[in-house]
Amino acid sequence: MATIQMRTVVRPQGNVEAIVARAVAPVGFALDLQHEPVLTRAFRRMVRELAYDVCEISFTTYLLAKAHGKPFTALPVFLMRDFHHRSIKVNVNAGIRHPKDLEGRLVGVNRGYTVTTGVWARGILESEYGVNLDAVTWVISDDEHVAEYRLPSNVVRVSPGRNLSDMVAKGDLAGVIGVEVDHPDVVHLIPEAGDAGFEALRKRGHYPINHLIVVRDDVLQNYDNVAPILFDVFAEAKNRYVAKLRDGTIARPDANDLRYRRVIEITGADPLPYGIGPNRAMIDELIRHAVNQHILAEPPLIETLFA
């Protein structure tokens, strides 16, 4: 009998390295790993075409997709986390002395309004600095993965032929979120932005989740125990990675490795905890931001989000 092949997309990073290398594999079926050089294209294909059986996806895209009835369900396998204080940049000539000075101004957001980095960054502006997000005009550079979503009235699309990086460098935008800009007039809005994220972790446990795993509902329904089997496989691969982080045996650590190692130094804990329990506070916070930012009409019950 042929082995069931599940079309799977994950970004090849440390916590899935053992899966990509086939050192850890599920029992009863196989993960047919698809090559997707631009991960965000996989997000879109999953939402619009149900192109994969198992797929890494951004958390806010998932929340919005679920609200619009897309037939896939998440596992509490949180593949990527990051800090977003450093995602917010401004033009030094725009007169932005405090984050609230962004009110009444144009601020770019990389790709779509519902991109998870943008949601977390705007949440920081609102919750830590009191910015009225509805008083900012957000300029996006692409449409949303969930095509049914209708943008708030204070969100506009960048003009054809223009890009956010050039616009903030020239001063046509006061600031941008999630855009790499190599220009002397563009600086981080929040002082010591890199350390600010780690300080938020120390003070209030702020540790944003960016990506998780989703599985098509027909796969969950047609094959026994797929969800727990997949969870265990991803957890085992992650545990092997965390062991390497702890003992310093990663030969060429990248930015993710260094960030997770710093989290271990600060907390002493697993830098990539899976499961609902240890992540409930961050799940609640992201949902709250999504509601406040007019992405979700109402907060879903957390238990309905996960297989």
Protein backbone atom coordinates (compact mmCIF):
# COMPACT_ATOMS: atom_id res chain seq x y z
CA MET A 1 0.00 0.00 0.00
CA ALA A 2 1.41 3.40 -1.01
CA THR A 3 2.39 5.82 1.75
CA ILE A 4 0.07 8.81 2.07
CA GLN A 5 1.95 11.92 0.96
CA MET A 6 0.94 15.24 2.53
CA ARG A 7 1.97 18.31 0.57
CA THR A 8 3.77 20.44 3.16
CA VAL A 9 5.36 23.88 3.22
CA VAL A 10 7.61 25.09 6.01
CA ARG A 11 10.50 27.51 5.91
CA PRO A 12 13.76 25.56 6.40
CA GLN A 13 14.92 26.96 9.73
CA GLY A 14 16.43 25.51 12.86
CA ASN A 15 13.30 24.25 14.57
CA VAL A 16 12.25 22.21 11.51
CA GLU A 17 15.74 21.20 10.39
CA ALA A 18 15.27 17.62 11.63
CA ILE A 19 12.05 17.34 9.60
CA VAL A 20 13.63 18.72 6.43
CA ALA A 21 16.56 16.31 6.90
CA ARG A 22 14.10 13.41 7.45
CA ALA A 23 15.68 12.73 10.83
CA VAL A 24 12.23 13.13 12.39
CA ALA A 25 9.18 11.87 10.48
CA PRO A 26 5.55 10.99 11.20
CA VAL A 27 4.33 7.41 11.40
CA GLY A 28 1.57 6.43 9.00
CA PHE A 29 2.10 9.13 6.38
CA ALA A 30 4.89 11.20 4.85
CA LEU A 31 5.45 14.93 4.55
CA ASP A 32 6.00 15.82 0.90
CA LEU A 33 8.01 18.99 1.41
CA GLN A 34 7.34 21.60 -1.26
CA HIS A 35 9.93 24.19 -2.27
CA GLU A 36 8.51 27.69 -1.88
CA PRO A 37 11.33 30.27 -2.09
CA VAL A 38 8.95 33.10 -1.09
CA LEU A 39 7.05 31.86 1.95
CA THR A 40 4.37 34.56 1.77
CA ARG A 41 3.30 33.15 -1.61
CA ALA A 42 2.58 29.88 0.14
CA PHE A 43 0.42 31.76 2.67
CA ARG A 44 -1.62 33.21 -0.17
CA ARG A 45 -1.90 29.93 -2.06
CA MET A 46 -3.05 28.17 1.09
CA VAL A 47 -5.74 30.77 1.78
CA ARG A 48 -6.97 31.14 -1.79
CA GLU A 49 -6.38 27.70 -3.30
CA LEU A 50 -5.98 25.29 -0.36
CA ALA A 51 -2.80 24.34 -2.19
CA TYR A 52 -1.22 22.28 0.60
CA ASP A 53 -2.22 19.74 3.21
CA VAL A 54 0.06 21.18 5.89
CA CYS A 55 1.37 24.74 5.72
CA GLU A 56 3.23 27.32 7.75
CA ILE A 57 1.23 30.55 7.78
CA SER A 58 1.29 33.90 9.52
CA PHE A 59 -0.87 34.05 12.62
CA THR A 60 -3.01 37.06 11.69
CA THR A 61 -3.60 35.67 8.20
CA TYR A 62 -4.86 32.51 9.89
CA LEU A 63 -7.15 34.40 12.27
CA LEU A 64 -8.67 36.32 9.37
CA ALA A 65 -8.93 33.23 7.17
CA LYS A 66 -10.69 31.33 9.95
CA ALA A 67 -13.12 34.23 10.45
CA HIS A 68 -13.98 33.95 6.74
CA GLY A 69 -14.58 30.20 6.93
CA LYS A 70 -11.45 28.91 5.20
CA PRO A 71 -11.40 25.11 5.71
CA PHE A 72 -8.16 24.63 7.57
CA THR A 73 -7.32 24.60 11.27
CA ALA A 74 -4.18 25.45 13.19
CA LEU A 75 -2.02 23.32 15.40
CA PRO A 76 -0.49 25.19 18.38
CA VAL A 77 2.92 24.81 16.73
CA PHE A 78 4.37 28.31 16.70
CA LEU A 79 7.27 28.14 14.27
CA MET A 80 8.44 31.73 14.42
CA ARG A 81 8.53 34.48 17.02
CA ASP A 82 10.08 37.92 16.86
CA PHE A 83 10.16 41.35 18.47
CA HIS A 84 8.73 44.27 16.54
CA HIS A 85 9.84 47.45 18.29
CA ARG A 86 12.60 47.62 15.67
CA SER A 87 10.12 47.21 12.80
CA ILE A 88 8.99 50.86 13.05
CA LYS A 89 11.12 53.48 11.29
CA VAL A 90 10.66 57.19 10.62
CA ASN A 91 12.19 59.94 8.55
CA VAL A 92 14.23 62.21 10.83
CA ASN A 93 12.92 65.27 8.97
CA ALA A 94 9.25 64.38 9.51
CA GLY A 95 9.03 66.01 12.95
CA ILE A 96 8.27 62.77 14.78
CA ARG A 97 9.55 63.27 18.31
CA HIS A 98 7.15 60.82 19.98
CA PRO A 99 5.16 57.92 18.53
CA LYS A 100 1.93 59.90 18.99
CA ASP A 101 3.29 62.36 16.43
CA LEU A 102 2.40 59.73 13.83
CA GLU A 103 -1.26 60.65 14.29
CA GLY A 104 -2.51 62.55 11.26
CA ARG A 105 0.40 61.32 9.15
CA LEU A 106 1.01 58.76 6.40
CA VAL A 107 2.80 55.58 7.53
CA GLY A 108 3.71 52.73 5.21
CA VAL A 109 3.16 49.06 6.04
CA ASN A 110 5.07 46.40 4.14
CA ARG A 111 2.75 44.32 1.97
CA GLY A 112 -0.75 44.14 3.48
CA TYR A 113 -2.50 45.77 6.42
CA THR A 114 -3.13 42.36 8.02
CA VAL A 115 0.52 41.23 7.89
CA THR A 116 1.37 39.97 11.38
CA THR A 117 4.47 42.15 11.80
CA GLY A 118 2.34 45.21 11.10
CA VAL A 119 -0.32 44.11 13.57
CA TRP A 120 2.21 43.61 16.36
CA ALA A 121 4.02 46.88 15.57
CA ARG A 122 0.79 48.89 15.57
CA GLY A 123 -0.19 47.12 18.78
CA ILE A 124 3.05 48.34 20.37
CA LEU A 125 2.33 51.89 19.21
CA GLU A 126 -1.15 51.75 20.73
CA SER A 127 -0.55 49.84 23.95
CA GLU A 128 2.86 51.20 24.93
CA TYR A 129 2.74 54.72 23.51
CA GLY A 130 -0.96 55.60 23.34
CA VAL A 131 -1.10 56.14 19.58
CA ASN A 132 -4.61 56.45 18.16
CA LEU A 133 -4.23 54.03 15.26
CA ASP A 134 -7.42 55.27 13.60
CA ALA A 135 -5.83 58.73 13.33
CA VAL A 136 -3.00 57.40 11.14
CA THR A 137 -3.34 56.78 7.40
CA TRP A 138 -1.70 53.41 6.69
CA VAL A 139 -0.24 53.00 3.21
CA ILE A 140 0.12 49.38 2.07
CA SER A 141 2.09 47.97 -0.86
CA ASP A 142 0.06 44.84 -1.69
CA ASP A 143 -3.38 43.33 -1.27
CA GLU A 144 -4.38 40.99 1.55
CA HIS A 145 -4.00 37.21 1.48
CA VAL A 146 -7.68 36.87 2.44
CA ALA A 147 -9.32 38.47 -0.58
CA GLU A 148 -12.73 38.80 1.13
CA TYR A 149 -11.36 41.22 3.73
CA ARG A 150 -12.39 44.86 3.38
CA LEU A 151 -9.87 47.45 4.51
CA PRO A 152 -10.68 50.16 7.06
CA SER A 153 -11.21 53.63 5.61
CA ASN A 154 -7.82 54.86 6.90
CA VAL A 155 -5.89 52.27 4.86
CA VAL A 156 -4.87 53.11 1.29
CA ARG A 157 -2.82 51.42 -1.42
CA VAL A 158 0.51 52.90 -2.54
CA SER A 159 0.35 54.69 -5.90
CA PRO A 160 1.41 52.61 -8.93
CA GLY A 161 5.12 52.78 -9.64
CA ARG A 162 6.06 53.91 -6.14
CA ASN A 163 7.58 51.93 -3.26
CA LEU A 164 7.48 52.50 0.46
CA SER A 165 11.25 52.54 0.94
CA ASP A 166 11.76 55.45 -1.46
CA MET A 167 8.71 57.27 -0.14
CA VAL A 168 9.92 57.32 3.47
CA ALA A 169 13.45 58.23 2.39
CA LYS A 170 12.07 61.23 0.46
CA GLY A 171 9.77 62.23 3.30
CA ASP A 172 6.52 61.42 1.48
CA LEU A 173 5.79 59.04 4.35
CA ALA A 174 6.48 59.96 7.96
CA GLY A 175 7.37 56.36 8.74
CA VAL A 176 7.16 52.73 7.71
CA ILE A 177 6.63 49.36 9.35
CA GLY A 178 8.45 46.22 8.24
CA VAL A 179 10.42 47.86 5.44
CA GLU A 180 14.20 47.72 5.07
CA VAL A 181 15.48 51.21 4.27
CA ASP A 182 19.13 52.03 3.72
CA HIS A 183 19.10 55.82 4.00
CA PRO A 184 20.71 58.14 6.57
CA ASP A 185 17.46 60.04 7.13
CA VAL A 186 15.52 56.90 8.13
CA VAL A 187 15.98 55.68 11.71
CA HIS A 188 14.19 53.54 14.27
CA LEU A 189 11.30 55.34 15.94
CA ILE A 190 11.86 53.66 19.30
CA PRO A 191 15.28 54.32 20.88
CA GLU A 192 17.47 51.22 21.28
CA ALA A 193 14.78 49.39 19.35
CA GLY A 194 16.48 46.00 19.38
CA ASP A 195 16.88 45.99 23.15
CA ALA A 196 13.36 47.38 23.64
CA GLY A 197 11.84 44.10 22.53
CA PHE A 198 13.92 42.07 24.95
CA GLU A 199 13.11 44.57 27.71
CA ALA A 200 9.39 44.07 27.02
CA LEU A 201 9.98 40.34 27.38
CA ARG A 202 11.69 40.87 30.75
CA LYS A 203 9.07 43.25 32.11
CA ARG A 204 5.79 41.77 30.90
CA GLY A 205 6.50 38.55 29.07
CA HIS A 206 5.88 40.19 25.69
CA TYR A 207 7.04 37.62 23.13
CA PRO A 208 5.12 37.93 19.84
CA ILE A 209 4.12 34.90 17.80
CA ASN A 210 4.40 35.35 14.03
CA HIS A 211 3.86 31.95 12.35
CA LEU A 212 2.06 28.71 13.07
CA ILE A 213 1.07 25.49 11.28
CA VAL A 214 -2.32 24.84 9.67
CA VAL A 215 -3.79 21.61 8.33
CA ARG A 216 -6.62 21.27 5.83
CA ASP A 217 -9.85 20.25 7.52
CA ASP A 218 -10.45 17.36 5.12
CA VAL A 219 -7.06 15.92 6.10
CA LEU A 220 -7.92 16.22 9.79
CA GLN A 221 -11.27 14.51 9.15
CA ASN A 222 -10.08 11.73 6.84
CA TYR A 223 -6.99 10.48 8.66
CA ASP A 224 -6.89 9.35 12.27
CA ASN A 225 -4.71 11.18 14.78
CA VAL A 226 -3.10 13.50 12.21
CA ALA A 227 -3.11 16.47 14.58
CA PRO A 228 -1.34 14.81 17.54
CA ILE A 229 1.09 12.99 15.26
CA LEU A 230 2.07 16.22 13.51
CA PHE A 231 2.31 18.08 16.81
CA ASP A 232 4.67 15.46 18.21
CA VAL A 233 6.84 15.50 15.07
CA PHE A 234 7.21 19.28 15.10
CA ALA A 235 7.81 19.28 18.86
CA GLU A 236 10.55 16.65 18.59
CA ALA A 237 12.29 18.59 15.79
CA LYS A 238 12.07 21.76 17.84
CA ASN A 239 13.39 20.10 20.98
CA ARG A 240 16.47 18.91 19.09
CA TYR A 241 17.03 22.47 17.87
CA VAL A 242 16.63 23.96 21.35
CA ALA A 243 19.17 21.47 22.68
CA LYS A 244 21.66 22.77 20.11
CA LEU A 245 20.88 26.34 21.11
CA ARG A 246 21.54 25.54 24.73
CA ASP A 247 24.82 23.72 24.19
CA GLY A 248 26.11 26.12 21.52
CA THR A 249 26.59 23.54 18.77
CA ILE A 250 25.03 25.55 15.92
CA ALA A 251 28.00 26.20 13.65
CA ARG A 252 26.80 29.36 11.92
CA PRO A 253 23.96 30.89 13.95
CA ASP A 254 21.66 33.18 12.00
CA ALA A 255 19.52 36.05 13.31
CA ASN A 256 16.78 33.69 14.47
CA ASP A 257 19.25 31.49 16.34
CA LEU A 258 20.80 34.49 18.08
CA ARG A 259 17.40 35.88 19.05
CA TYR A 260 16.19 32.58 20.51
CA ARG A 261 19.48 32.14 22.36
CA ARG A 262 18.99 35.59 23.91
CA VAL A 263 15.48 34.58 24.99
CA ILE A 264 16.97 31.55 26.75
CA GLU A 265 19.46 33.83 28.52
CA ILE A 266 16.64 36.11 29.71
CA THR A 267 14.02 33.52 30.65
CA GLY A 268 15.92 30.26 31.10
CA ALA A 269 12.98 28.62 29.32
CA ASP A 270 12.23 27.01 25.98
CA PRO A 271 12.37 29.91 23.47
CA LEU A 272 9.79 28.24 21.21
CA PRO A 273 7.09 26.74 23.44
CA TYR A 274 4.33 24.89 21.59
CA GLY A 275 0.83 24.22 22.89
CA ILE A 276 -1.95 26.59 23.91
CA GLY A 277 -1.19 26.84 27.64
CA PRO A 278 2.22 28.53 27.60
CA ASN A 279 1.14 30.81 24.74
CA ARG A 280 -2.33 31.88 25.81
CA ALA A 281 -1.32 35.39 26.86
CA MET A 282 0.30 36.12 23.48
CA ILE A 283 -2.60 34.55 21.58
CA ASP A 284 -5.03 36.73 23.54
CA GLU A 285 -2.91 39.82 22.90
CA LEU A 286 -2.72 39.27 19.14
CA ILE A 287 -6.48 38.68 18.95
CA ARG A 288 -7.06 41.88 20.92
CA HIS A 289 -4.87 43.86 18.53
CA ALA A 290 -6.65 42.32 15.52
CA VAL A 291 -10.03 43.40 16.90
CA ASN A 292 -8.80 46.89 17.82
CA GLN A 293 -7.31 47.31 14.34
CA HIS A 294 -10.57 46.33 12.58
CA ILE A 295 -9.18 43.06 11.24
CA LEU A 296 -11.52 40.83 13.24
CA ALA A 297 -15.09 41.85 14.00
CA GLU A 298 -15.03 39.98 17.30
CA PRO A 299 -12.59 37.82 19.26
CA PRO A 300 -12.86 34.08 18.58
CA LEU A 301 -12.72 31.51 21.34
CA ILE A 302 -9.15 30.26 21.46
CA GLU A 303 -10.28 26.64 21.67
CA THR A 304 -12.07 26.95 18.31
CA LEU A 305 -8.83 27.98 16.59
CA PHE A 306 -6.83 24.80 17.18
CA ALA A 307 -7.26 21.17 16.19
